[in-house]
N, C-alpha and C. Protein backbone atom coordinates (compact mmCIF):
# COMPACT_ATOMS: atom_id res chain seq x y z
N MET A 1 126.97 -6.33 -22.46
CA MET A 1 128.16 -6.62 -21.65
C MET A 1 128.73 -7.96 -22.11
N ILE A 2 130.02 -7.92 -22.46
CA ILE A 2 130.71 -9.13 -22.85
C ILE A 2 131.38 -9.71 -21.63
N LEU A 3 131.22 -10.99 -21.38
CA LEU A 3 131.82 -11.69 -20.25
C LEU A 3 132.70 -12.80 -20.76
N VAL A 4 133.97 -12.78 -20.42
CA VAL A 4 134.90 -13.84 -20.86
C VAL A 4 135.81 -14.25 -19.70
N ASN A 5 136.31 -15.48 -19.80
CA ASN A 5 137.26 -15.93 -18.76
C ASN A 5 138.69 -15.87 -19.25
N THR A 6 138.90 -15.21 -20.39
CA THR A 6 140.26 -14.96 -20.92
C THR A 6 140.67 -13.53 -20.56
N ASP A 7 141.95 -13.22 -20.74
CA ASP A 7 142.39 -11.87 -20.44
C ASP A 7 142.41 -11.00 -21.69
N TYR A 8 141.76 -11.44 -22.75
CA TYR A 8 141.66 -10.66 -23.97
C TYR A 8 140.32 -10.96 -24.67
N ILE A 9 139.96 -10.09 -25.62
CA ILE A 9 138.79 -10.31 -26.45
C ILE A 9 139.28 -10.09 -27.87
N SER A 10 139.19 -11.12 -28.69
CA SER A 10 139.71 -11.03 -30.07
C SER A 10 139.19 -9.79 -30.79
N GLY A 11 140.11 -9.03 -31.38
CA GLY A 11 139.76 -7.88 -32.16
C GLY A 11 139.40 -6.64 -31.37
N LYS A 12 139.53 -6.68 -30.05
CA LYS A 12 139.17 -5.52 -29.22
C LYS A 12 140.38 -5.01 -28.46
N GLN A 13 140.50 -3.68 -28.44
CA GLN A 13 141.50 -3.01 -27.61
C GLN A 13 140.70 -2.39 -26.45
N PHE A 14 141.26 -2.48 -25.26
CA PHE A 14 140.54 -1.90 -24.13
C PHE A 14 141.47 -1.40 -23.04
N GLU A 15 140.89 -0.56 -22.19
CA GLU A 15 141.61 -0.09 -21.01
C GLU A 15 140.95 -0.71 -19.79
N MET A 16 141.74 -1.05 -18.82
CA MET A 16 141.21 -1.67 -17.60
C MET A 16 140.65 -0.60 -16.65
N LEU A 17 139.48 -0.91 -16.13
CA LEU A 17 138.85 0.01 -15.17
C LEU A 17 139.05 -0.46 -13.72
N GLY A 18 139.20 -1.77 -13.54
CA GLY A 18 139.46 -2.28 -12.20
C GLY A 18 138.70 -3.53 -11.90
N LEU A 19 138.96 -4.06 -10.73
CA LEU A 19 138.33 -5.30 -10.26
C LEU A 19 136.87 -5.06 -9.96
N VAL A 20 136.02 -6.00 -10.40
CA VAL A 20 134.62 -5.99 -10.04
C VAL A 20 134.27 -7.36 -9.51
N LYS A 21 133.29 -7.37 -8.58
CA LYS A 21 132.92 -8.66 -7.99
C LYS A 21 131.45 -8.62 -7.61
N GLY A 22 130.94 -9.82 -7.44
CA GLY A 22 129.59 -9.99 -6.93
C GLY A 22 129.56 -11.25 -6.11
N SER A 23 128.76 -11.25 -5.06
CA SER A 23 128.73 -12.44 -4.21
C SER A 23 127.34 -12.65 -3.63
N THR A 24 127.09 -13.85 -3.15
CA THR A 24 125.85 -14.16 -2.47
C THR A 24 126.10 -15.35 -1.56
N ILE A 25 125.26 -15.48 -0.56
CA ILE A 25 125.26 -16.66 0.30
C ILE A 25 123.88 -17.25 0.16
N GLN A 26 123.81 -18.50 -0.23
CA GLN A 26 122.55 -19.18 -0.48
C GLN A 26 122.42 -20.39 0.42
N SER A 27 121.17 -20.71 0.75
CA SER A 27 120.90 -21.92 1.52
C SER A 27 119.56 -22.49 1.06
N LYS A 28 119.35 -23.75 1.33
CA LYS A 28 118.09 -24.40 1.04
C LYS A 28 117.34 -24.54 2.34
N ASN A 29 116.03 -24.76 2.24
CA ASN A 29 115.24 -24.89 3.47
C ASN A 29 115.47 -26.23 4.14
N VAL A 30 115.00 -26.38 5.35
CA VAL A 30 115.24 -27.60 6.14
C VAL A 30 114.71 -28.83 5.44
N GLY A 31 113.56 -28.72 4.79
CA GLY A 31 113.00 -29.86 4.07
C GLY A 31 113.94 -30.36 2.98
N LYS A 32 114.48 -29.44 2.21
CA LYS A 32 115.42 -29.83 1.16
C LYS A 32 116.69 -30.41 1.76
N ASP A 33 117.17 -29.86 2.87
CA ASP A 33 118.37 -30.40 3.52
C ASP A 33 118.14 -31.86 3.91
N ILE A 34 116.97 -32.15 4.47
CA ILE A 34 116.68 -33.52 4.91
C ILE A 34 116.61 -34.44 3.70
N THR A 35 115.91 -34.07 2.65
CA THR A 35 115.78 -34.95 1.49
C THR A 35 117.14 -35.15 0.80
N GLN A 36 117.94 -34.12 0.75
CA GLN A 36 119.26 -34.24 0.13
C GLN A 36 120.18 -35.08 1.00
N GLY A 37 120.02 -34.96 2.32
CA GLY A 37 120.80 -35.81 3.25
C GLY A 37 120.47 -37.28 3.06
N LEU A 38 119.20 -37.60 2.87
CA LEU A 38 118.80 -39.00 2.62
C LEU A 38 119.33 -39.47 1.27
N LYS A 39 119.41 -38.56 0.30
CA LYS A 39 119.92 -38.94 -1.02
C LYS A 39 121.38 -39.40 -0.95
N THR A 40 122.12 -38.89 0.01
CA THR A 40 123.51 -39.30 0.13
C THR A 40 123.65 -40.75 0.52
N LEU A 41 122.59 -41.33 1.09
CA LEU A 41 122.62 -42.74 1.45
C LEU A 41 122.59 -43.66 0.23
N VAL A 42 121.92 -43.21 -0.81
CA VAL A 42 121.79 -44.07 -1.98
C VAL A 42 122.64 -43.60 -3.15
N GLY A 43 123.16 -42.39 -3.06
CA GLY A 43 124.01 -41.86 -4.11
C GLY A 43 123.23 -41.14 -5.19
N GLY A 44 123.95 -40.47 -6.05
CA GLY A 44 123.33 -39.76 -7.16
C GLY A 44 123.52 -38.27 -6.99
N GLU A 45 123.01 -37.55 -7.98
CA GLU A 45 123.13 -36.10 -8.00
C GLU A 45 122.22 -35.47 -6.96
N LEU A 46 122.73 -34.49 -6.26
CA LEU A 46 121.94 -33.75 -5.27
C LEU A 46 121.36 -32.53 -6.01
N THR A 47 120.24 -32.74 -6.67
CA THR A 47 119.70 -31.72 -7.57
C THR A 47 119.31 -30.43 -6.86
N ALA A 48 118.81 -30.51 -5.64
CA ALA A 48 118.44 -29.29 -4.92
C ALA A 48 119.67 -28.41 -4.66
N TYR A 49 120.77 -29.06 -4.31
CA TYR A 49 122.01 -28.29 -4.09
C TYR A 49 122.59 -27.79 -5.40
N ASN A 50 122.47 -28.62 -6.44
CA ASN A 50 122.94 -28.19 -7.76
C ASN A 50 122.17 -26.94 -8.19
N ASP A 51 120.84 -26.98 -8.02
CA ASP A 51 120.02 -25.81 -8.37
C ASP A 51 120.41 -24.60 -7.52
N MET A 52 120.66 -24.83 -6.23
CA MET A 52 121.06 -23.74 -5.34
C MET A 52 122.36 -23.09 -5.84
N MET A 53 123.34 -23.88 -6.22
CA MET A 53 124.60 -23.36 -6.67
C MET A 53 124.45 -22.63 -8.03
N ASN A 54 123.63 -23.14 -8.91
CA ASN A 54 123.38 -22.47 -10.18
C ASN A 54 122.74 -21.12 -9.95
N GLU A 55 121.76 -21.04 -9.05
CA GLU A 55 121.12 -19.77 -8.70
C GLU A 55 122.14 -18.79 -8.09
N ALA A 56 123.00 -19.31 -7.21
CA ALA A 56 123.98 -18.48 -6.58
C ALA A 56 124.99 -17.93 -7.57
N ARG A 57 125.46 -18.76 -8.50
CA ARG A 57 126.38 -18.27 -9.55
C ARG A 57 125.73 -17.22 -10.40
N ALA A 58 124.48 -17.43 -10.79
CA ALA A 58 123.75 -16.45 -11.62
C ALA A 58 123.61 -15.11 -10.88
N LEU A 59 123.25 -15.16 -9.60
CA LEU A 59 123.09 -13.92 -8.81
C LEU A 59 124.44 -13.21 -8.62
N ALA A 60 125.49 -13.97 -8.32
CA ALA A 60 126.83 -13.37 -8.15
C ALA A 60 127.26 -12.72 -9.45
N THR A 61 127.01 -13.37 -10.58
CA THR A 61 127.36 -12.82 -11.89
C THR A 61 126.58 -11.53 -12.15
N LYS A 62 125.29 -11.55 -11.87
CA LYS A 62 124.47 -10.36 -12.06
C LYS A 62 124.98 -9.19 -11.24
N ARG A 63 125.36 -9.43 -10.01
CA ARG A 63 125.89 -8.36 -9.15
C ARG A 63 127.22 -7.84 -9.64
N MET A 64 128.08 -8.76 -10.18
CA MET A 64 129.34 -8.34 -10.73
C MET A 64 129.12 -7.44 -11.94
N VAL A 65 128.19 -7.84 -12.83
CA VAL A 65 127.88 -7.06 -14.02
C VAL A 65 127.34 -5.69 -13.63
N MET A 66 126.49 -5.62 -12.63
CA MET A 66 125.96 -4.32 -12.17
C MET A 66 127.09 -3.40 -11.72
N GLU A 67 128.05 -3.96 -10.99
CA GLU A 67 129.18 -3.16 -10.53
C GLU A 67 130.00 -2.64 -11.72
N ALA A 68 130.18 -3.52 -12.74
CA ALA A 68 130.93 -3.11 -13.92
C ALA A 68 130.19 -2.03 -14.70
N GLU A 69 128.85 -2.18 -14.82
CA GLU A 69 128.07 -1.17 -15.52
C GLU A 69 128.17 0.17 -14.81
N ASN A 70 128.23 0.17 -13.50
CA ASN A 70 128.37 1.43 -12.75
C ASN A 70 129.69 2.13 -13.04
N LEU A 71 130.68 1.37 -13.46
CA LEU A 71 131.98 1.91 -13.84
C LEU A 71 132.05 2.35 -15.30
N GLY A 72 130.96 2.04 -16.06
CA GLY A 72 130.94 2.36 -17.47
C GLY A 72 131.64 1.31 -18.35
N ALA A 73 131.76 0.11 -17.85
CA ALA A 73 132.47 -0.95 -18.56
C ALA A 73 131.69 -1.48 -19.77
N ASP A 74 132.42 -1.93 -20.75
CA ASP A 74 131.85 -2.60 -21.91
C ASP A 74 131.94 -4.13 -21.80
N ALA A 75 132.85 -4.58 -20.97
CA ALA A 75 133.07 -6.02 -20.83
C ALA A 75 133.74 -6.33 -19.49
N ILE A 76 133.75 -7.62 -19.14
CA ILE A 76 134.50 -8.06 -17.99
C ILE A 76 135.36 -9.22 -18.48
N VAL A 77 136.65 -9.13 -18.27
CA VAL A 77 137.60 -10.17 -18.70
C VAL A 77 138.15 -10.91 -17.49
N ASN A 78 138.71 -12.08 -17.78
CA ASN A 78 139.37 -12.90 -16.77
C ASN A 78 138.42 -13.22 -15.59
N ILE A 79 137.18 -13.58 -15.90
CA ILE A 79 136.19 -13.90 -14.90
C ILE A 79 136.53 -15.21 -14.20
N ARG A 80 136.39 -15.20 -12.89
CA ARG A 80 136.61 -16.41 -12.08
C ARG A 80 135.47 -16.54 -11.08
N TYR A 81 135.23 -17.77 -10.66
CA TYR A 81 134.21 -18.06 -9.61
C TYR A 81 134.92 -18.81 -8.50
N SER A 82 134.42 -18.59 -7.31
CA SER A 82 134.89 -19.30 -6.14
C SER A 82 133.72 -19.56 -5.24
N SER A 83 133.77 -20.66 -4.51
CA SER A 83 132.71 -20.93 -3.56
C SER A 83 133.31 -21.52 -2.29
N SER A 84 132.57 -21.35 -1.23
CA SER A 84 133.01 -21.90 0.05
C SER A 84 131.78 -22.20 0.91
N ALA A 85 131.89 -23.21 1.72
CA ALA A 85 130.82 -23.54 2.64
C ALA A 85 130.85 -22.56 3.81
N ILE A 86 129.72 -22.00 4.13
CA ILE A 86 129.62 -21.09 5.26
C ILE A 86 129.14 -21.87 6.49
N MET A 87 128.21 -22.76 6.25
CA MET A 87 127.72 -23.68 7.29
C MET A 87 127.03 -24.82 6.55
N GLN A 88 126.59 -25.82 7.22
CA GLN A 88 125.96 -26.95 6.56
C GLN A 88 124.71 -26.48 5.81
N GLY A 89 124.68 -26.73 4.52
CA GLY A 89 123.52 -26.35 3.73
C GLY A 89 123.56 -24.93 3.20
N ALA A 90 124.65 -24.19 3.44
CA ALA A 90 124.76 -22.82 2.95
C ALA A 90 126.15 -22.61 2.34
N ALA A 91 126.18 -21.92 1.22
CA ALA A 91 127.44 -21.69 0.53
C ALA A 91 127.50 -20.25 0.02
N GLU A 92 128.72 -19.71 0.05
CA GLU A 92 128.97 -18.42 -0.56
C GLU A 92 129.56 -18.65 -1.94
N VAL A 93 129.09 -17.89 -2.90
CA VAL A 93 129.66 -17.89 -4.24
C VAL A 93 130.06 -16.47 -4.57
N ILE A 94 131.28 -16.33 -5.10
CA ILE A 94 131.77 -15.02 -5.51
C ILE A 94 132.21 -15.14 -6.97
N ALA A 95 131.85 -14.12 -7.74
CA ALA A 95 132.29 -13.99 -9.13
C ALA A 95 133.13 -12.72 -9.17
N TYR A 96 134.27 -12.77 -9.84
CA TYR A 96 135.11 -11.59 -9.94
C TYR A 96 135.86 -11.59 -11.27
N GLY A 97 136.21 -10.38 -11.70
CA GLY A 97 136.93 -10.22 -12.93
C GLY A 97 137.40 -8.76 -13.07
N THR A 98 137.91 -8.45 -14.25
CA THR A 98 138.39 -7.11 -14.50
C THR A 98 137.47 -6.39 -15.47
N ALA A 99 136.92 -5.28 -15.04
CA ALA A 99 136.05 -4.45 -15.88
C ALA A 99 136.92 -3.69 -16.88
N VAL A 100 136.50 -3.66 -18.14
CA VAL A 100 137.25 -2.98 -19.17
C VAL A 100 136.34 -2.11 -20.04
N LYS A 101 136.93 -1.09 -20.64
CA LYS A 101 136.23 -0.19 -21.58
C LYS A 101 136.96 -0.25 -22.89
N PHE A 102 136.20 -0.43 -23.99
CA PHE A 102 136.81 -0.47 -25.31
C PHE A 102 137.33 0.89 -25.71
N VAL A 103 138.47 0.90 -26.41
CA VAL A 103 139.03 2.15 -26.94
C VAL A 103 138.89 2.22 -28.43
């Protein structure tokens, strides 16, 4: 499966199959929330939240790819990511793009 954030793939002709997406809502445990809250007092990277968002993006991407594979897609073009806070310490990540089949 080819994944790109452009609306074309060099040297490939394709037909569009439709929108595909994947999403997840992730949170860290209370202990991580407390330690990351204390980290905001001294500054620096919030690594536990960074890890959480990386895991969420990976899972959302995996779900998007699964949806595209179910359509018989060869690639997903014009991929975008979006995130939003659901509550303190929890975020939704969605990945979406256009599933395409090579001709």
